[in-house]
């Protein structure tokens, strides 16, 4: 389920430098930290003007954007800074190209690490205290964790001298368990751990978690959303929510949504004397929704049922298609139904 919905054109504040780019550009390298940040699965802070804030050097970040937009490498003079940021953001194709630059090669040969770590590392992960081996944090060399604890980055400490990592501690402990022992999380934590593994670029863990039902299901929902977003789905969803709210039905009552199309068939309206509307009129509240000319596909039905559950209108849903017989014109018209079951 997406946490943040982005426009196609994204307004950024990168370390105080204002930029505008396409969402597709930020997602251009699917395994990068940038793509994870702007995947919709994470909440990104905004500045006072509503621009998404990225805490990087704005001048250097422009080189990253140019590369993602045009595949273009600029002058040698900023190569080292761009290389470091590309490694941090896990834009690996750019980092690999910059490794051939003399200034990057030379720096990597002689550079002293900015941070010296002990073999045993004390962590404060969003308030949860942990201790692990440095080699555990560096186990996946292309991960964001390995970059953070490579010695090339300055890592903040808390007041007690522990390295501070700004992730959910309850989820991060499963990341450590995997890096230590190859142990996978329980089913109920799979989705949260998958999102953090993607963000930290721990690719082997993310791939193993893709077979978990909760991860597969969320990915299927994301695919459904892409399939139906241009087919009038949002309009149907808004109509459904408005109809439920206008019905003044209590949250604990079961409801059946009947979606019908009156376009070109004004006599074939359900629940009138001349029509036979299937449905349970004894244990459920029936809500009629005219979708006019929109064709309600099975994909739309599945996504709408899922999102109505997420919004708290039901705990379980059942979708089906039934026939509505009009006594006046003697025709049968399809009615799509979603049963919203609260218990």
Protein backbone atom coordinates (compact mmCIF):
# COMPACT_ATOMS: atom_id res chain seq x y z
CA UNK A 1 0.00 0.00 0.00
CA UNK A 2 1.41 3.36 -0.95
CA UNK A 3 2.18 5.78 1.87
CA UNK A 4 2.86 8.79 -0.37
CA UNK A 5 1.29 9.57 -3.74
CA UNK A 6 3.45 11.65 -6.08
CA UNK A 7 2.61 13.82 -9.07
CA UNK A 8 4.40 13.05 -12.34
CA UNK A 9 6.45 16.25 -11.87
CA UNK A 10 8.20 16.43 -8.48
CA UNK A 11 9.32 19.62 -6.73
CA UNK A 12 12.47 19.12 -4.62
CA UNK A 13 14.43 21.05 -2.03
CA UNK A 14 17.89 19.45 -2.00
CA UNK A 15 19.97 20.92 0.79
CA UNK A 16 18.35 24.31 0.13
CA UNK A 17 18.69 24.17 -3.67
CA UNK A 18 15.31 24.07 -5.43
CA UNK A 19 14.84 21.62 -8.31
CA UNK A 20 12.07 20.16 -10.43
CA UNK A 21 12.24 16.78 -12.11
CA UNK A 22 10.09 13.91 -13.33
CA UNK A 23 9.06 11.13 -10.96
CA UNK A 24 10.29 8.64 -13.57
CA UNK A 25 13.76 10.20 -13.35
CA UNK A 26 13.95 9.63 -9.60
CA UNK A 27 12.83 6.03 -10.12
CA UNK A 28 15.12 5.48 -13.11
CA UNK A 29 17.45 3.08 -11.28
CA UNK A 30 14.97 0.74 -9.56
CA UNK A 31 17.49 -0.66 -7.05
CA UNK A 32 18.70 2.75 -5.88
CA UNK A 33 17.94 4.48 -2.61
CA UNK A 34 16.34 7.32 -4.61
CA UNK A 35 13.89 4.91 -6.26
CA UNK A 36 13.05 3.50 -2.81
CA UNK A 37 12.53 6.99 -1.36
CA UNK A 38 10.13 7.94 -4.17
CA UNK A 39 8.44 4.53 -4.51
CA UNK A 40 5.44 5.71 -2.49
CA UNK A 41 6.20 3.30 0.36
CA UNK A 42 7.91 5.88 2.57
CA UNK A 43 6.88 9.23 4.04
CA UNK A 44 9.22 11.99 2.81
CA UNK A 45 9.47 15.28 4.72
CA UNK A 46 8.43 18.50 2.98
CA UNK A 47 9.66 22.04 3.42
CA UNK A 48 7.32 24.95 4.28
CA UNK A 49 6.45 25.40 0.59
CA UNK A 50 5.48 21.76 0.08
CA UNK A 51 8.65 20.65 -1.74
CA UNK A 52 10.07 17.23 -0.91
CA UNK A 53 13.22 17.68 1.15
CA UNK A 54 16.33 15.63 0.28
CA UNK A 55 19.19 16.07 2.74
CA UNK A 56 22.12 16.07 0.28
CA UNK A 57 24.45 18.68 -1.20
CA UNK A 58 22.31 20.38 -3.85
CA UNK A 59 25.20 21.28 -6.14
CA UNK A 60 26.40 17.68 -6.24
CA UNK A 61 22.87 16.30 -6.57
CA UNK A 62 22.41 18.18 -9.86
CA UNK A 63 25.05 15.86 -11.37
CA UNK A 64 23.06 12.84 -10.18
CA UNK A 65 19.91 14.21 -11.83
CA UNK A 66 21.74 14.99 -15.08
CA UNK A 67 22.99 11.43 -15.18
CA UNK A 68 19.54 9.95 -14.47
CA UNK A 69 17.93 12.24 -17.09
CA UNK A 70 20.46 12.01 -19.90
CA UNK A 71 23.11 9.43 -18.93
CA UNK A 72 25.51 12.39 -19.01
CA UNK A 73 28.73 12.64 -16.99
CA UNK A 74 29.92 16.19 -16.36
CA UNK A 75 33.41 17.56 -15.81
CA UNK A 76 36.16 15.83 -13.79
CA UNK A 77 36.31 18.47 -11.07
CA UNK A 78 33.31 17.16 -9.07
CA UNK A 79 33.91 13.47 -9.79
CA UNK A 80 34.88 12.50 -6.24
CA UNK A 81 31.91 14.27 -4.63
CA UNK A 82 29.47 12.84 -7.18
CA UNK A 83 30.98 9.37 -6.74
CA UNK A 84 30.48 9.51 -2.96
CA UNK A 85 26.87 10.65 -3.32
CA UNK A 86 26.17 8.08 -6.05
CA UNK A 87 27.49 5.34 -3.75
CA UNK A 88 25.37 6.66 -0.86
CA UNK A 89 22.22 6.85 -3.03
CA UNK A 90 23.08 3.45 -4.55
CA UNK A 91 23.05 4.79 -8.12
CA UNK A 92 25.51 2.03 -8.90
CA UNK A 93 25.79 2.41 -12.68
CA UNK A 94 27.01 5.99 -12.17
CA UNK A 95 29.38 5.00 -9.36
CA UNK A 96 30.90 2.26 -11.53
CA UNK A 97 31.51 4.72 -14.37
CA UNK A 98 33.10 7.26 -12.03
CA UNK A 99 35.49 4.63 -10.64
CA UNK A 100 37.44 4.93 -13.91
CA UNK A 101 38.14 8.65 -13.27
CA UNK A 102 41.70 9.37 -12.12
CA UNK A 103 40.59 11.58 -9.20
CA UNK A 104 38.30 8.85 -7.85
CA UNK A 105 40.91 6.11 -8.31
CA UNK A 106 43.55 8.23 -6.57
CA UNK A 107 41.28 9.20 -3.67
CA UNK A 108 40.22 5.60 -3.11
CA UNK A 109 43.85 4.52 -3.00
CA UNK A 110 45.05 7.07 -0.45
CA UNK A 111 41.96 8.23 1.42
CA UNK A 112 41.84 7.81 5.16
CA UNK A 113 38.39 6.80 6.41
CA UNK A 114 36.32 9.64 7.89
CA UNK A 115 35.13 7.37 10.70
CA UNK A 116 37.13 4.65 12.44
CA UNK A 117 34.93 1.83 13.74
CA UNK A 118 35.68 -0.78 16.37
CA UNK A 119 35.08 -4.43 15.47
CA UNK A 120 32.04 -4.40 17.79
CA UNK A 121 29.59 -1.57 16.99
CA UNK A 122 27.11 -0.08 19.47
CA UNK A 123 23.93 1.13 17.75
CA UNK A 124 20.93 3.24 18.70
CA UNK A 125 18.25 2.36 16.17
CA UNK A 126 15.46 4.90 16.71
CA UNK A 127 15.80 4.44 20.48
CA UNK A 128 16.31 0.66 20.47
CA UNK A 129 19.83 -0.24 21.62
CA UNK A 130 21.69 -2.98 19.73
CA UNK A 131 25.21 -4.34 19.46
CA UNK A 132 26.64 -6.11 16.43
CA UNK A 133 29.86 -6.82 14.57
CA UNK A 134 31.16 -4.33 12.02
CA UNK A 135 31.52 -7.17 9.50
CA UNK A 136 27.77 -7.87 9.88
CA UNK A 137 26.90 -4.31 8.85
CA UNK A 138 29.27 -4.59 5.87
CA UNK A 139 28.17 -8.08 4.86
CA UNK A 140 26.34 -6.95 1.71
CA UNK A 141 28.97 -4.68 0.12
CA UNK A 142 26.58 -2.88 -2.24
CA UNK A 143 24.04 -2.05 0.47
CA UNK A 144 23.37 1.34 2.02
CA UNK A 145 24.36 -0.13 5.40
CA UNK A 146 27.79 -1.10 4.07
CA UNK A 147 28.17 2.43 2.66
CA UNK A 148 27.18 4.00 5.99
CA UNK A 149 29.72 1.90 7.90
CA UNK A 150 32.46 1.90 5.24
CA UNK A 151 34.32 4.69 7.01
CA UNK A 152 33.73 7.10 4.11
CA UNK A 153 30.65 8.65 5.73
CA UNK A 154 30.26 10.51 9.01
CA UNK A 155 27.68 8.66 11.13
CA UNK A 156 25.99 10.62 13.92
CA UNK A 157 26.21 9.45 17.53
CA UNK A 158 23.79 9.76 20.42
CA UNK A 159 24.74 11.31 23.78
CA UNK A 160 26.17 7.97 24.96
CA UNK A 161 28.42 7.53 21.92
CA UNK A 162 26.29 4.93 20.12
CA UNK A 163 25.94 5.28 16.35
CA UNK A 164 22.44 6.53 15.61
CA UNK A 165 20.48 4.84 12.81
CA UNK A 166 17.11 6.42 11.99
CA UNK A 167 15.04 3.33 11.20
CA UNK A 168 12.31 1.44 13.05
CA UNK A 169 14.22 -0.59 15.64
CA UNK A 170 11.64 -3.39 15.80
CA UNK A 171 12.03 -3.94 12.05
CA UNK A 172 15.80 -3.40 11.92
CA UNK A 173 16.46 -6.29 14.32
CA UNK A 174 15.17 -8.66 11.61
CA UNK A 175 17.62 -7.09 9.14
CA UNK A 176 20.44 -7.85 11.57
CA UNK A 177 19.19 -11.41 12.11
CA UNK A 178 19.32 -11.97 8.36
CA UNK A 179 22.82 -10.51 8.01
CA UNK A 180 24.05 -12.57 10.97
CA UNK A 181 22.37 -15.93 10.38
CA UNK A 182 20.46 -15.75 7.06
CA UNK A 183 17.27 -15.93 9.14
CA UNK A 184 14.02 -14.69 7.57
CA UNK A 185 11.38 -12.77 9.58
CA UNK A 186 7.99 -14.20 10.59
CA UNK A 187 5.12 -13.78 8.12
CA UNK A 188 3.53 -10.92 10.05
CA UNK A 189 6.71 -8.82 9.76
CA UNK A 190 7.59 -9.72 6.15
CA UNK A 191 6.14 -6.59 4.53
CA UNK A 192 7.83 -4.11 6.89
CA UNK A 193 11.16 -5.94 6.63
CA UNK A 194 10.84 -6.09 2.82
CA UNK A 195 10.37 -2.31 2.63
CA UNK A 196 13.38 -1.64 4.87
CA UNK A 197 15.52 -4.19 2.99
CA UNK A 198 14.65 -2.43 -0.30
CA UNK A 199 15.46 0.95 1.22
CA UNK A 200 18.80 -0.30 2.59
CA UNK A 201 19.52 -2.07 -0.71
CA UNK A 202 19.91 -5.49 0.92
CA UNK A 203 18.94 -7.09 -2.35
CA UNK A 204 19.33 -10.77 -1.40
CA UNK A 205 16.91 -10.38 1.52
CA UNK A 206 14.40 -8.40 -0.55
CA UNK A 207 14.38 -11.13 -3.23
CA UNK A 208 13.73 -13.86 -0.66
CA UNK A 209 10.87 -11.87 0.86
CA UNK A 210 9.17 -11.38 -2.52
CA UNK A 211 7.71 -14.91 -2.23
CA UNK A 212 5.91 -14.08 1.05
CA UNK A 213 2.14 -13.72 0.61
CA UNK A 214 1.88 -10.25 2.18
CA UNK A 215 4.62 -8.91 -0.12
CA UNK A 216 3.16 -10.59 -3.20
CA UNK A 217 -0.30 -9.26 -2.37
CA UNK A 218 0.93 -5.68 -1.88
CA UNK A 219 2.84 -5.89 -5.17
CA UNK A 220 -0.29 -7.21 -6.91
CA UNK A 221 -2.31 -4.29 -5.53
CA UNK A 222 0.33 -1.86 -6.84
CA UNK A 223 0.08 -3.48 -10.30
CA UNK A 224 -3.72 -3.27 -10.20
CA UNK A 225 -3.52 0.42 -9.35
CA UNK A 226 -1.33 1.08 -12.39
CA UNK A 227 -3.71 -0.89 -14.63
CA UNK A 228 -6.87 0.98 -13.62
CA UNK A 229 -5.68 4.51 -12.71
CA UNK A 230 -6.50 5.89 -16.19
CA UNK A 231 -9.84 4.09 -16.60
CA UNK A 232 -12.09 6.12 -14.32
CA UNK A 233 -11.25 4.16 -11.18
CA UNK A 234 -10.75 7.21 -8.93
CA UNK A 235 -14.19 8.55 -9.87
CA UNK A 236 -15.82 5.22 -8.99
CA UNK A 237 -13.95 5.06 -5.68
CA UNK A 238 -15.06 8.59 -4.74
CA UNK A 239 -18.68 7.73 -5.63
CA UNK A 240 -18.54 4.60 -3.47
CA UNK A 241 -17.13 6.44 -0.44
CA UNK A 242 -19.61 9.31 -0.82
CA UNK A 243 -22.51 6.87 -1.12
CA UNK A 244 -21.48 4.99 2.02
CA UNK A 245 -21.06 8.22 4.00
CA UNK A 246 -24.39 9.64 2.79
CA UNK A 247 -26.21 6.45 3.78
CA UNK A 248 -25.54 7.17 7.48
CA UNK A 249 -24.80 3.50 8.04
CA UNK A 250 -22.96 2.60 11.25
CA UNK A 251 -19.44 1.22 10.98
CA UNK A 252 -20.50 -2.12 12.49
CA UNK A 253 -23.25 -2.79 9.93
CA UNK A 254 -22.69 -5.00 6.90
CA UNK A 255 -23.23 -3.25 3.58
CA UNK A 256 -23.68 -4.31 -0.03
CA UNK A 257 -22.65 -1.89 -2.77
CA UNK A 258 -24.58 -2.36 -6.02
CA UNK A 259 -22.83 -0.75 -8.99
CA UNK A 260 -25.08 -0.23 -11.99
CA UNK A 261 -24.83 1.75 -15.22
CA UNK A 262 -27.82 3.92 -16.13
CA UNK A 263 -26.14 5.34 -19.24
CA UNK A 264 -28.51 4.71 -22.18
CA UNK A 265 -30.85 2.58 -20.05
CA UNK A 266 -32.74 4.97 -17.78
CA UNK A 267 -35.47 2.43 -17.07
CA UNK A 268 -33.03 -0.19 -15.77
CA UNK A 269 -32.40 1.28 -12.34
CA UNK A 270 -32.18 -1.26 -9.49
CA UNK A 271 -34.54 -1.27 -6.54
CA UNK A 272 -37.46 0.21 -8.48
CA UNK A 273 -40.76 -1.68 -8.76
CA UNK A 274 -40.02 -2.73 -12.31
CA UNK A 275 -36.63 -4.27 -11.45
CA UNK A 276 -35.54 -7.34 -9.51
CA UNK A 277 -32.40 -6.47 -7.55
CA UNK A 278 -30.46 -9.43 -6.17
CA UNK A 279 -29.06 -8.96 -2.69
CA UNK A 280 -29.63 -9.63 0.95
CA UNK A 281 -32.12 -7.01 2.13
CA UNK A 282 -32.51 -8.51 5.60
CA UNK A 283 -29.01 -8.56 7.09
CA UNK A 284 -27.27 -5.86 5.05
CA UNK A 285 -27.73 -2.24 4.10
CA UNK A 286 -27.94 -1.98 0.30
CA UNK A 287 -26.32 1.05 -1.31
CA UNK A 288 -26.96 1.77 -4.99
CA UNK A 289 -24.22 3.51 -6.98
CA UNK A 290 -24.71 4.71 -10.54
CA UNK A 291 -21.36 4.53 -12.31
CA UNK A 292 -22.86 6.12 -15.44
CA UNK A 293 -20.69 5.35 -18.48
CA UNK A 294 -17.69 3.90 -16.60
CA UNK A 295 -17.03 0.22 -17.30
CA UNK A 296 -16.25 -1.42 -13.97
CA UNK A 297 -13.65 -4.13 -14.61
CA UNK A 298 -12.77 -7.05 -12.36
CA UNK A 299 -9.44 -5.33 -11.64
CA UNK A 300 -11.28 -2.22 -10.46
CA UNK A 301 -13.56 -4.33 -8.26
CA UNK A 302 -10.61 -6.10 -6.64
CA UNK A 303 -8.73 -2.86 -5.96
CA UNK A 304 -11.81 -1.06 -4.66
CA UNK A 305 -12.65 -3.93 -2.29
CA UNK A 306 -9.07 -3.83 -0.96
CA UNK A 307 -9.00 -0.06 -0.49
CA UNK A 308 -12.40 0.08 1.23
CA UNK A 309 -11.06 -2.45 3.76
CA UNK A 310 -7.93 -0.35 4.27
CA UNK A 311 -10.11 2.73 4.87
CA UNK A 312 -12.01 0.89 7.64
CA UNK A 313 -15.34 0.32 5.88
CA UNK A 314 -15.05 -3.47 6.30
CA UNK A 315 -12.89 -6.28 7.64
CA UNK A 316 -13.70 -8.66 4.78
CA UNK A 317 -15.15 -8.24 1.31
CA UNK A 318 -16.84 -10.44 -1.27
CA UNK A 319 -17.18 -9.36 -4.90
CA UNK A 320 -19.55 -10.82 -7.46
CA UNK A 321 -21.47 -10.04 -10.64
CA UNK A 322 -25.25 -10.64 -10.83
CA UNK A 323 -28.01 -9.97 -13.36
CA UNK A 324 -30.70 -7.36 -12.83
CA UNK A 325 -33.91 -8.05 -14.79
CA UNK A 326 -35.91 -5.01 -15.94
CA UNK A 327 -39.60 -5.79 -16.25
CA UNK A 328 -40.21 -2.78 -18.49
CA UNK A 329 -37.69 -3.38 -21.27
CA UNK A 330 -37.31 -7.10 -20.41
CA UNK A 331 -33.52 -6.88 -20.52
CA UNK A 332 -30.93 -8.25 -18.16
CA UNK A 333 -28.19 -5.89 -17.03
CA UNK A 334 -25.09 -6.77 -15.06
CA UNK A 335 -24.74 -5.39 -11.56
CA UNK A 336 -21.37 -5.55 -9.84
CA UNK A 337 -21.55 -6.06 -6.10
CA UNK A 338 -19.12 -5.63 -3.25
CA UNK A 339 -20.23 -7.00 0.10
CA UNK A 340 -18.59 -5.13 2.97
CA UNK A 341 -18.54 -7.44 6.00
CA UNK A 342 -17.61 -5.95 9.35
CA UNK A 343 -17.53 -9.19 11.39
